[in-house]
Amino acid sequence: MLRFLARTLGLLALVGAFAAAVVDGARSIANNAWSLTPLGAALGRIAPAKLAALPALASRISPKLWDPVLIDVLYVPTSLVLAALGIALMALGSAGRRQ
């Protein structure tokens, strides 16, 4: 059951990565310049209140977690983050063989 859930979520993340890549490609063609949507901008559009609460949550866990780590992660393109998450979940869902 958990393997099925991991594979399903992985597939949905890969679909999201493909959609984000298509949007970035269309925007790049329209602007006639290379443009990728950073993860922070995508999260800001989807859940602005959660993104605003993220620094406080990260500083409660570890003070150094927000500044050097999460700020850099928020600048990574959304399609790459979703693709990496999808591949990891698909690999986790297919790990091990039943005998």
PDB file of N, CA and C in Angstrom:
ATOM      1  N   MET A   1       0.825  -1.194   0.000  1.00  0.00           N
ATOM      2  CA  MET A   1       0.000   0.000   0.000  1.00  0.00           C
ATOM      3  C   MET A   1       0.873   1.263   0.000  1.00  0.00           C
ATOM      4  N   LEU A   2       1.928   1.270   0.834  1.00  0.00           N
ATOM      5  CA  LEU A   2       2.792   2.443   0.877  1.00  0.00           C
ATOM      6  C   LEU A   2       3.602   2.583  -0.405  1.00  0.00           C
ATOM      7  N   ARG A   3       3.981   1.450  -1.006  1.00  0.00           N
ATOM      8  CA  ARG A   3       4.704   1.522  -2.278  1.00  0.00           C
ATOM      9  C   ARG A   3       3.816   2.113  -3.358  1.00  0.00           C
ATOM     10  N   PHE A   4       2.547   1.734  -3.362  1.00  0.00           N
ATOM     11  CA  PHE A   4       1.605   2.283  -4.336  1.00  0.00           C
ATOM     12  C   PHE A   4       1.444   3.786  -4.134  1.00  0.00           C
ATOM     13  N   LEU A   5       1.351   4.222  -2.878  1.00  0.00           N
ATOM     14  CA  LEU A   5       1.216   5.645  -2.578  1.00  0.00           C
ATOM     15  C   LEU A   5       2.466   6.414  -3.000  1.00  0.00           C
ATOM     16  N   ALA A   6       3.643   5.850  -2.731  1.00  0.00           N
ATOM     17  CA  ALA A   6       4.888   6.506  -3.130  1.00  0.00           C
ATOM     18  C   ALA A   6       4.983   6.615  -4.651  1.00  0.00           C
ATOM     19  N   ARG A   7       4.614   5.551  -5.358  1.00  0.00           N
ATOM     20  CA  ARG A   7       4.655   5.600  -6.831  1.00  0.00           C
ATOM     21  C   ARG A   7       3.645   6.604  -7.372  1.00  0.00           C
ATOM     22  N   THR A   8       2.466   6.664  -6.773  1.00  0.00           N
ATOM     23  CA  THR A   8       1.437   7.598  -7.233  1.00  0.00           C
ATOM     24  C   THR A   8       1.875   9.037  -7.010  1.00  0.00           C
ATOM     25  N   LEU A   9       2.384   9.333  -5.814  1.00  0.00           N
ATOM     26  CA  LEU A   9       2.861  10.686  -5.541  1.00  0.00           C
ATOM     27  C   LEU A   9       4.065  11.035  -6.410  1.00  0.00           C
ATOM     28  N   GLY A  10       4.921  10.060  -6.666  1.00  0.00           N
ATOM     29  CA  GLY A  10       6.054  10.288  -7.549  1.00  0.00           C
ATOM     30  C   GLY A  10       5.613  10.608  -8.970  1.00  0.00           C
ATOM     31  N   LEU A  11       4.621   9.882  -9.444  1.00  0.00           N
ATOM     32  CA  LEU A  11       4.100  10.143 -10.786  1.00  0.00           C
ATOM     33  C   LEU A  11       3.460  11.527 -10.858  1.00  0.00           C
ATOM     34  N   LEU A  12       2.724  11.916  -9.824  1.00  0.00           N
ATOM     35  CA  LEU A  12       2.123  13.253  -9.798  1.00  0.00           C
ATOM     36  C   LEU A  12       3.193  14.344  -9.749  1.00  0.00           C
ATOM     37  N   ALA A  13       4.271  14.100  -9.025  1.00  0.00           N
ATOM     38  CA  ALA A  13       5.364  15.072  -8.987  1.00  0.00           C
ATOM     39  C   ALA A  13       6.032  15.182 -10.353  1.00  0.00           C
ATOM     40  N   LEU A  14       6.194  14.064 -11.044  1.00  0.00           N
ATOM     41  CA  LEU A  14       6.774  14.107 -12.389  1.00  0.00           C
ATOM     42  C   LEU A  14       5.855  14.823 -13.371  1.00  0.00           C
ATOM     43  N   VAL A  15       4.556  14.647 -13.228  1.00  0.00           N
ATOM     44  CA  VAL A  15       3.602  15.374 -14.069  1.00  0.00           C
ATOM     45  C   VAL A  15       3.702  16.871 -13.793  1.00  0.00           C
ATOM     46  N   GLY A  16       3.813  17.234 -12.514  1.00  0.00           N
ATOM     47  CA  GLY A  16       3.984  18.639 -12.155  1.00  0.00           C
ATOM     48  C   GLY A  16       5.285  19.215 -12.695  1.00  0.00           C
ATOM     49  N   ALA A  17       6.340  18.419 -12.684  1.00  0.00           N
ATOM     50  CA  ALA A  17       7.623  18.861 -13.228  1.00  0.00           C
ATOM     51  C   ALA A  17       7.513  19.114 -14.724  1.00  0.00           C
ATOM     52  N   PHE A  18       6.818  18.221 -15.415  1.00  0.00           N
ATOM     53  CA  PHE A  18       6.635  18.399 -16.852  1.00  0.00           C
ATOM     54  C   PHE A  18       5.803  19.651 -17.133  1.00  0.00           C
ATOM     55  N   ALA A  19       4.740  19.862 -16.359  1.00  0.00           N
ATOM     56  CA  ALA A  19       3.904  21.052 -16.545  1.00  0.00           C
ATOM     57  C   ALA A  19       4.696  22.326 -16.266  1.00  0.00           C
ATOM     58  N   ALA A  20       5.510  22.318 -15.213  1.00  0.00           N
ATOM     59  CA  ALA A  20       6.329  23.494 -14.904  1.00  0.00           C
ATOM     60  C   ALA A  20       7.347  23.752 -16.006  1.00  0.00           C
ATOM     61  N   ALA A  21       7.913  22.696 -16.573  1.00  0.00           N
ATOM     62  CA  ALA A  21       8.871  22.860 -17.659  1.00  0.00           C
ATOM     63  C   ALA A  21       8.189  23.422 -18.911  1.00  0.00           C
ATOM     64  N   VAL A  22       6.978  22.991 -19.187  1.00  0.00           N
ATOM     65  CA  VAL A  22       6.237  23.506 -20.341  1.00  0.00           C
ATOM     66  C   VAL A  22       5.909  24.984 -20.144  1.00  0.00           C
ATOM     67  N   VAL A  23       5.477  25.352 -18.939  1.00  0.00           N
ATOM     68  CA  VAL A  23       5.176  26.760 -18.654  1.00  0.00           C
ATOM     69  C   VAL A  23       6.439  27.611 -18.782  1.00  0.00           C
ATOM     70  N   ASP A  24       7.544  27.124 -18.237  1.00  0.00           N
ATOM     71  CA  ASP A  24       8.800  27.865 -18.353  1.00  0.00           C
ATOM     72  C   ASP A  24       9.253  27.977 -19.804  1.00  0.00           C
ATOM     73  N   GLY A  25       9.071  26.908 -20.576  1.00  0.00           N
ATOM     74  CA  GLY A  25       9.425  26.952 -21.991  1.00  0.00           C
ATOM     75  C   GLY A  25       8.568  27.935 -22.765  1.00  0.00           C
ATOM     76  N   ALA A  26       7.277  27.935 -22.501  1.00  0.00           N
ATOM     77  CA  ALA A  26       6.386  28.874 -23.192  1.00  0.00           C
ATOM     78  C   ALA A  26       6.719  30.318 -22.813  1.00  0.00           C
ATOM     79  N   ARG A  27       7.021  30.541 -21.540  1.00  0.00           N
ATOM     80  CA  ARG A  27       7.386  31.883 -21.091  1.00  0.00           C
ATOM     81  C   ARG A  27       8.718  32.315 -21.717  1.00  0.00           C
ATOM     82  N   SER A  28       9.636  31.391 -21.856  1.00  0.00           N
ATOM     83  CA  SER A  28      10.921  31.708 -22.467  1.00  0.00           C
ATOM     84  C   SER A  28      10.765  32.065 -23.938  1.00  0.00           C
ATOM     85  N   ILE A  29       9.900  31.348 -24.626  1.00  0.00           N
ATOM     86  CA  ILE A  29       9.650  31.640 -26.041  1.00  0.00           C
ATOM     87  C   ILE A  29       8.948  32.984 -26.189  1.00  0.00           C
ATOM     88  N   ALA A  30       7.970  33.256 -25.329  1.00  0.00           N
ATOM     89  CA  ALA A  30       7.231  34.513 -25.419  1.00  0.00           C
ATOM     90  C   ALA A  30       8.107  35.717 -25.087  1.00  0.00           C
ATOM     91  N   ASN A  31       8.985  35.569 -24.103  1.00  0.00           N
ATOM     92  CA  ASN A  31       9.852  36.684 -23.708  1.00  0.00           C
ATOM     93  C   ASN A  31      11.110  36.787 -24.554  1.00  0.00           C
ATOM     94  N   ASN A  32      11.356  35.776 -25.370  1.00  0.00           N
ATOM     95  CA  ASN A  32      12.556  35.726 -26.198  1.00  0.00           C
ATOM     96  C   ASN A  32      13.823  35.777 -25.349  1.00  0.00           C
ATOM     97  N   ALA A  33      13.720  35.210 -24.146  1.00  0.00           N
ATOM     98  CA  ALA A  33      14.858  35.126 -23.221  1.00  0.00           C
ATOM     99  C   ALA A  33      14.618  33.937 -22.294  1.00  0.00           C
ATOM    100  N   TRP A  34      15.710  33.369 -21.809  1.00  0.00           N
ATOM    101  CA  TRP A  34      15.637  32.208 -20.924  1.00  0.00           C
ATOM    102  C   TRP A  34      15.015  32.626 -19.593  1.00  0.00           C
ATOM    103  N   SER A  35      13.933  31.957 -19.175  1.00  0.00           N
ATOM    104  CA  SER A  35      13.338  32.276 -17.872  1.00  0.00           C
ATOM    105  C   SER A  35      12.819  30.998 -17.228  1.00  0.00           C
ATOM    106  N   LEU A  36      13.256  30.779 -15.995  1.00  0.00           N
ATOM    107  CA  LEU A  36      12.814  29.633 -15.207  1.00  0.00           C
ATOM    108  C   LEU A  36      12.123  30.146 -13.951  1.00  0.00           C
ATOM    109  N   THR A  37      11.075  29.469 -13.530  1.00  0.00           N
ATOM    110  CA  THR A  37      10.356  29.867 -12.332  1.00  0.00           C
ATOM    111  C   THR A  37      11.027  29.255 -11.109  1.00  0.00           C
ATOM    112  N   PRO A  38      11.537  30.093 -10.179  1.00  0.00           N
ATOM    113  CA  PRO A  38      12.131  29.526  -8.969  1.00  0.00           C
ATOM    114  C   PRO A  38      11.059  28.935  -8.059  1.00  0.00           C
ATOM    115  N   LEU A  39      11.462  28.000  -7.222  1.00  0.00           N
ATOM    116  CA  LEU A  39      10.539  27.335  -6.311  1.00  0.00           C
ATOM    117  C   LEU A  39       9.860  28.331  -5.378  1.00  0.00           C
ATOM    118  N   GLY A  40      10.587  29.342  -4.930  1.00  0.00           N
ATOM    119  CA  GLY A  40      10.010  30.348  -4.040  1.00  0.00           C
ATOM    120  C   GLY A  40       8.878  31.117  -4.696  1.00  0.00           C
ATOM    121  N   ALA A  41       9.019  31.433  -5.969  1.00  0.00           N
ATOM    122  CA  ALA A  41       7.955  32.152  -6.676  1.00  0.00           C
ATOM    123  C   ALA A  41       6.723  31.266  -6.852  1.00  0.00           C
ATOM    124  N   ALA A  42       6.944  29.991  -7.162  1.00  0.00           N
ATOM    125  CA  ALA A  42       5.814  29.067  -7.316  1.00  0.00           C
ATOM    126  C   ALA A  42       5.091  28.865  -5.987  1.00  0.00           C
ATOM    127  N   LEU A  43       5.849  28.699  -4.912  1.00  0.00           N
ATOM    128  CA  LEU A  43       5.222  28.547  -3.596  1.00  0.00           C
ATOM    129  C   LEU A  43       4.527  29.826  -3.162  1.00  0.00           C
ATOM    130  N   GLY A  44       5.080  30.972  -3.550  1.00  0.00           N
ATOM    131  CA  GLY A  44       4.445  32.248  -3.239  1.00  0.00           C
ATOM    132  C   GLY A  44       3.109  32.422  -3.924  1.00  0.00           C
ATOM    133  N   ARG A  45       2.958  31.856  -5.111  1.00  0.00           N
ATOM    134  CA  ARG A  45       1.668  31.912  -5.810  1.00  0.00           C
ATOM    135  C   ARG A  45       0.670  30.916  -5.247  1.00  0.00           C
ATOM    136  N   ILE A  46       1.156  29.742  -4.863  1.00  0.00           N
ATOM    137  CA  ILE A  46       0.258  28.681  -4.397  1.00  0.00           C
ATOM    138  C   ILE A  46      -0.192  28.917  -2.961  1.00  0.00           C
ATOM    139  N   ALA A  47       0.769  29.185  -2.063  1.00  0.00           N
ATOM    140  CA  ALA A  47       0.457  29.334  -0.640  1.00  0.00           C
ATOM    141  C   ALA A  47       1.296  30.454  -0.040  1.00  0.00           C
ATOM    142  N   PRO A  48       0.901  31.708  -0.221  1.00  0.00           N
ATOM    143  CA  PRO A  48       1.730  32.812   0.270  1.00  0.00           C
ATOM    144  C   PRO A  48       1.834  32.858   1.798  1.00  0.00           C
ATOM    145  N   ALA A  49       0.791  32.469   2.500  1.00  0.00           N
ATOM    146  CA  ALA A  49       0.846  32.497   3.968  1.00  0.00           C
ATOM    147  C   ALA A  49       1.824  31.447   4.502  1.00  0.00           C
ATOM    148  N   LYS A  50       1.835  30.273   3.886  1.00  0.00           N
ATOM    149  CA  LYS A  50       2.764  29.220   4.313  1.00  0.00           C
ATOM    150  C   LYS A  50       4.205  29.616   4.017  1.00  0.00           C
ATOM    151  N   LEU A  51       4.436  30.263   2.884  1.00  0.00           N
ATOM    152  CA  LEU A  51       5.787  30.702   2.541  1.00  0.00           C
ATOM    153  C   LEU A  51       6.264  31.783   3.505  1.00  0.00           C
ATOM    154  N   ALA A  52       5.349  32.662   3.933  1.00  0.00           N
ATOM    155  CA  ALA A  52       5.716  33.707   4.895  1.00  0.00           C
ATOM    156  C   ALA A  52       6.039  33.117   6.266  1.00  0.00           C
ATOM    157  N   ALA A  53       5.413  31.998   6.616  1.00  0.00           N
ATOM    158  CA  ALA A  53       5.661  31.363   7.909  1.00  0.00           C
ATOM    159  C   ALA A  53       6.889  30.462   7.891  1.00  0.00           C
ATOM    160  N   LEU A  54       7.442  30.185   6.730  1.00  0.00           N
ATOM    161  CA  LEU A  54       8.574  29.272   6.617  1.00  0.00           C
ATOM    162  C   LEU A  54       9.844  29.743   7.341  1.00  0.00           C
ATOM    163  N   PRO A  55      10.217  31.028   7.300  1.00  0.00           N
ATOM    164  CA  PRO A  55      11.422  31.435   8.030  1.00  0.00           C
ATOM    165  C   PRO A  55      11.327  31.208   9.541  1.00  0.00           C
ATOM    166  N   ALA A  56      10.174  31.485  10.118  1.00  0.00           N
ATOM    167  CA  ALA A  56      10.009  31.281  11.564  1.00  0.00           C
ATOM    168  C   ALA A  56      10.094  29.807  11.913  1.00  0.00           C
ATOM    169  N   LEU A  57       9.491  28.967  11.098  1.00  0.00           N
ATOM    170  CA  LEU A  57       9.539  27.526  11.342  1.00  0.00           C
ATOM    171  C   LEU A  57      10.957  26.991  11.206  1.00  0.00           C
ATOM    172  N   ALA A  58      11.661  27.441  10.196  1.00  0.00           N
ATOM    173  CA  ALA A  58      13.026  26.971   9.977  1.00  0.00           C
ATOM    174  C   ALA A  58      13.962  27.446  11.084  1.00  0.00           C
ATOM    175  N   SER A  59      13.761  28.651  11.573  1.00  0.00           N
ATOM    176  CA  SER A  59      14.639  29.150  12.642  1.00  0.00           C
ATOM    177  C   SER A  59      14.350  28.461  13.968  1.00  0.00           C
ATOM    178  N   ARG A  60      13.121  27.959  14.158  1.00  0.00           N
ATOM    179  CA  ARG A  60      12.835  27.183  15.366  1.00  0.00           C
ATOM    180  C   ARG A  60      13.540  25.829  15.325  1.00  0.00           C
ATOM    181  N   ILE A  61      13.644  25.246  14.131  1.00  0.00           N
ATOM    182  CA  ILE A  61      14.327  23.953  13.998  1.00  0.00           C
ATOM    183  C   ILE A  61      15.827  24.147  14.157  1.00  0.00           C
ATOM    184  N   SER A  62      16.401  25.043  13.393  1.00  0.00           N
ATOM    185  CA  SER A  62      17.829  25.345  13.478  1.00  0.00           C
ATOM    186  C   SER A  62      18.043  26.744  12.913  1.00  0.00           C
ATOM    187  N   PRO A  63      18.781  27.594  13.616  1.00  0.00           N
ATOM    188  CA  PRO A  63      18.980  28.961  13.111  1.00  0.00           C
ATOM    189  C   PRO A  63      19.717  29.012  11.775  1.00  0.00           C
ATOM    190  N   LYS A  64      20.576  28.052  11.520  1.00  0.00           N
ATOM    191  CA  LYS A  64      21.341  28.059  10.269  1.00  0.00           C
ATOM    192  C   LYS A  64      20.605  27.376   9.127  1.00  0.00           C
ATOM    193  N   LEU A  65      19.442  26.838   9.397  1.00  0.00           N
ATOM    194  CA  LEU A  65      18.698  26.136   8.350  1.00  0.00           C
ATOM    195  C   LEU A  65      18.126  27.107   7.326  1.00  0.00           C
ATOM    196  N   TRP A  66      17.643  28.256   7.762  1.00  0.00           N
ATOM    197  CA  TRP A  66      16.991  29.177   6.840  1.00  0.00           C
ATOM    198  C   TRP A  66      17.992  29.861   5.922  1.00  0.00           C
ATOM    199  N   ASP A  67      19.006  30.528   6.503  1.00  0.00           N
ATOM    200  CA  ASP A  67      19.852  31.384   5.680  1.00  0.00           C
ATOM    201  C   ASP A  67      20.715  30.632   4.680  1.00  0.00           C
ATOM    202  N   PRO A  68      21.541  29.704   5.033  1.00  0.00           N
ATOM    203  CA  PRO A  68      22.345  29.127   3.951  1.00  0.00           C
ATOM    204  C   PRO A  68      21.636  28.031   3.156  1.00  0.00           C
ATOM    205  N   VAL A  69      20.659  27.347   3.747  1.00  0.00           N
ATOM    206  CA  VAL A  69      20.102  26.170   3.082  1.00  0.00           C
ATOM    207  C   VAL A  69      18.806  26.484   2.338  1.00  0.00           C
ATOM    208  N   LEU A  70      17.775  26.879   3.057  1.00  0.00           N
ATOM    209  CA  LEU A  70      16.461  27.025   2.430  1.00  0.00           C
ATOM    210  C   LEU A  70      16.372  28.193   1.467  1.00  0.00           C
ATOM    211  N   ILE A  71      17.124  29.241   1.700  1.00  0.00           N
ATOM    212  CA  ILE A  71      17.103  30.351   0.743  1.00  0.00           C
ATOM    213  C   ILE A  71      17.658  29.893  -0.601  1.00  0.00           C
ATOM    214  N   ASP A  72      18.721  29.103  -0.573  1.00  0.00           N
ATOM    215  CA  ASP A  72      19.270  28.573  -1.824  1.00  0.00           C
ATOM    216  C   ASP A  72      18.308  27.604  -2.498  1.00  0.00           C
ATOM    217  N   VAL A  73      17.598  26.814  -1.721  1.00  0.00           N
ATOM    218  CA  VAL A  73      16.633  25.863  -2.286  1.00  0.00           C
ATOM    219  C   VAL A  73      15.480  26.604  -2.956  1.00  0.00           C
ATOM    220  N   LEU A  74      15.073  27.748  -2.417  1.00  0.00           N
ATOM    221  CA  LEU A  74      13.963  28.504  -2.993  1.00  0.00           C
ATOM    222  C   LEU A  74      14.319  29.147  -4.336  1.00  0.00           C
ATOM    223  N   TYR A  75      15.597  29.197  -4.683  1.00  0.00           N
ATOM    224  CA  TYR A  75      16.015  29.732  -5.985  1.00  0.00           C
ATOM    225  C   TYR A  75      16.176  28.659  -7.061  1.00  0.00           C
ATOM    226  N   VAL A  76      16.046  27.403  -6.698  1.00  0.00           N
ATOM    227  CA  VAL A  76      16.161  26.304  -7.663  1.00  0.00           C
ATOM    228  C   VAL A  76      14.890  26.281  -8.517  1.00  0.00           C
ATOM    229  N   PRO A  77      14.998  26.010  -9.816  1.00  0.00           N
ATOM    230  CA  PRO A  77      13.802  25.956 -10.665  1.00  0.00           C
ATOM    231  C   PRO A  77      12.795  24.902 -10.183  1.00  0.00           C
ATOM    232  N   THR A  78      11.543  25.254 -10.262  1.00  0.00           N
ATOM    233  CA  THR A  78      10.462  24.396  -9.785  1.00  0.00           C
ATOM    234  C   THR A  78      10.456  23.057 -10.499  1.00  0.00           C
ATOM    235  N   SER A  79      10.701  23.055 -11.782  1.00  0.00           N
ATOM    236  CA  SER A  79      10.666  21.798 -12.537  1.00  0.00           C
ATOM    237  C   SER A  79      11.754  20.835 -12.063  1.00  0.00           C
ATOM    238  N   LEU A  80      12.922  21.350 -11.709  1.00  0.00           N
ATOM    239  CA  LEU A  80      13.991  20.475 -11.220  1.00  0.00           C
ATOM    240  C   LEU A  80      13.666  19.887  -9.853  1.00  0.00           C
ATOM    241  N   VAL A  81      13.083  20.698  -8.985  1.00  0.00           N
ATOM    242  CA  VAL A  81      12.722  20.209  -7.646  1.00  0.00           C
ATOM    243  C   VAL A  81      11.646  19.131  -7.749  1.00  0.00           C
ATOM    244  N   LEU A  82      10.627  19.382  -8.559  1.00  0.00           N
ATOM    245  CA  LEU A  82       9.558  18.392  -8.702  1.00  0.00           C
ATOM    246  C   LEU A  82      10.060  17.124  -9.382  1.00  0.00           C
ATOM    247  N   ALA A  83      10.955  17.266 -10.348  1.00  0.00           N
ATOM    248  CA  ALA A  83      11.502  16.081 -11.012  1.00  0.00           C
ATOM    249  C   ALA A  83      12.339  15.248 -10.047  1.00  0.00           C
ATOM    250  N   ALA A  84      13.166  15.900  -9.241  1.00  0.00           N
ATOM    251  CA  ALA A  84      13.974  15.165  -8.263  1.00  0.00           C
ATOM    252  C   ALA A  84      13.093  14.480  -7.227  1.00  0.00           C
ATOM    253  N   LEU A  85      12.061  15.169  -6.762  1.00  0.00           N
ATOM    254  CA  LEU A  85      11.137  14.574  -5.803  1.00  0.00           C
ATOM    255  C   LEU A  85      10.390  13.395  -6.424  1.00  0.00           C
ATOM    256  N   GLY A  86       9.947  13.550  -7.660  1.00  0.00           N
ATOM    257  CA  GLY A  86       9.243  12.476  -8.338  1.00  0.00           C
ATOM    258  C   GLY A  86      10.113  11.257  -8.571  1.00  0.00           C
ATOM    259  N   ILE A  87      11.348  11.475  -8.984  1.00  0.00           N
ATOM    260  CA  ILE A  87      12.265  10.342  -9.206  1.00  0.00           C
ATOM    261  C   ILE A  87      12.562   9.631  -7.895  1.00  0.00           C
ATOM    262  N   ALA A  88      12.767  10.402  -6.828  1.00  0.00           N
ATOM    263  CA  ALA A  88      13.042   9.788  -5.525  1.00  0.00           C
ATOM    264  C   ALA A  88      11.848   8.968  -5.036  1.00  0.00           C
ATOM    265  N   LEU A  89      10.647   9.498  -5.203  1.00  0.00           N
ATOM    266  CA  LEU A  89       9.461   8.758  -4.761  1.00  0.00           C
ATOM    267  C   LEU A  89       9.210   7.524  -5.616  1.00  0.00           C
ATOM    268  N   MET A  90       9.449   7.632  -6.904  1.00  0.00           N
ATOM    269  CA  MET A  90       9.285   6.460  -7.761  1.00  0.00           C
ATOM    270  C   MET A  90      10.298   5.380  -7.416  1.00  0.00           C
ATOM    271  N   ALA A  91      11.528   5.772  -7.128  1.00  0.00           N
ATOM    272  CA  ALA A  91      12.550   4.811  -6.723  1.00  0.00           C
ATOM    273  C   ALA A  91      12.204   4.186  -5.376  1.00  0.00           C
ATOM    274  N   LEU A  92      11.679   4.990  -4.473  1.00  0.00           N
ATOM    275  CA  LEU A  92      11.286   4.463  -3.168  1.00  0.00           C
ATOM    276  C   LEU A  92      10.114   3.491  -3.313  1.00  0.00           C
ATOM    277  N   GLY A  93       9.199   3.789  -4.206  1.00  0.00           N
ATOM    278  CA  GLY A  93       8.047   2.927  -4.411  1.00  0.00           C
ATOM    279  C   GLY A  93       8.381   1.621  -5.111  1.00  0.00           C
ATOM    280  N   SER A  94       9.463   1.604  -5.858  1.00  0.00           N
ATOM    281  CA  SER A  94       9.807   0.373  -6.567  1.00  0.00           C
ATOM    282  C   SER A  94      10.958  -0.380  -5.895  1.00  0.00           C
ATOM    283  N   ALA A  95      11.414   0.091  -4.750  1.00  0.00           N
ATOM    284  CA  ALA A  95      12.527  -0.569  -4.058  1.00  0.00           C
ATOM    285  C   ALA A  95      12.093  -1.923  -3.510  1.00  0.00           C
ATOM    286  N   GLY A  96      12.969  -2.886  -3.660  1.00  0.00           N
ATOM    287  CA  GLY A  96      12.676  -4.231  -3.143  1.00  0.00           C
ATOM    288  C   GLY A  96      11.783  -5.022  -4.082  1.00  0.00           C
ATOM    289  N   ARG A  97      11.971  -6.319  -4.053  1.00  0.00           N
ATOM    290  CA  ARG A  97      11.153  -7.207  -4.873  1.00  0.00           C
ATOM    291  C   ARG A  97      10.416  -8.168  -3.980  1.00  0.00           C
ATOM    292  N   ARG A  98       9.208  -8.424  -4.311  1.00  0.00           N
ATOM    293  CA  ARG A  98       8.444  -9.436  -3.582  1.00  0.00           C
ATOM    294  C   ARG A  98       8.803 -10.805  -4.105  1.00  0.00           C
ATOM    295  N   GLN A  99       8.895 -11.756  -3.204  1.00  0.00           N
ATOM    296  CA  GLN A  99       9.214 -13.120  -3.636  1.00  0.00           C
ATOM    297  C   GLN A  99       8.153 -14.084  -3.205  1.00  0.00           C
TER     298      GLN A  99
END
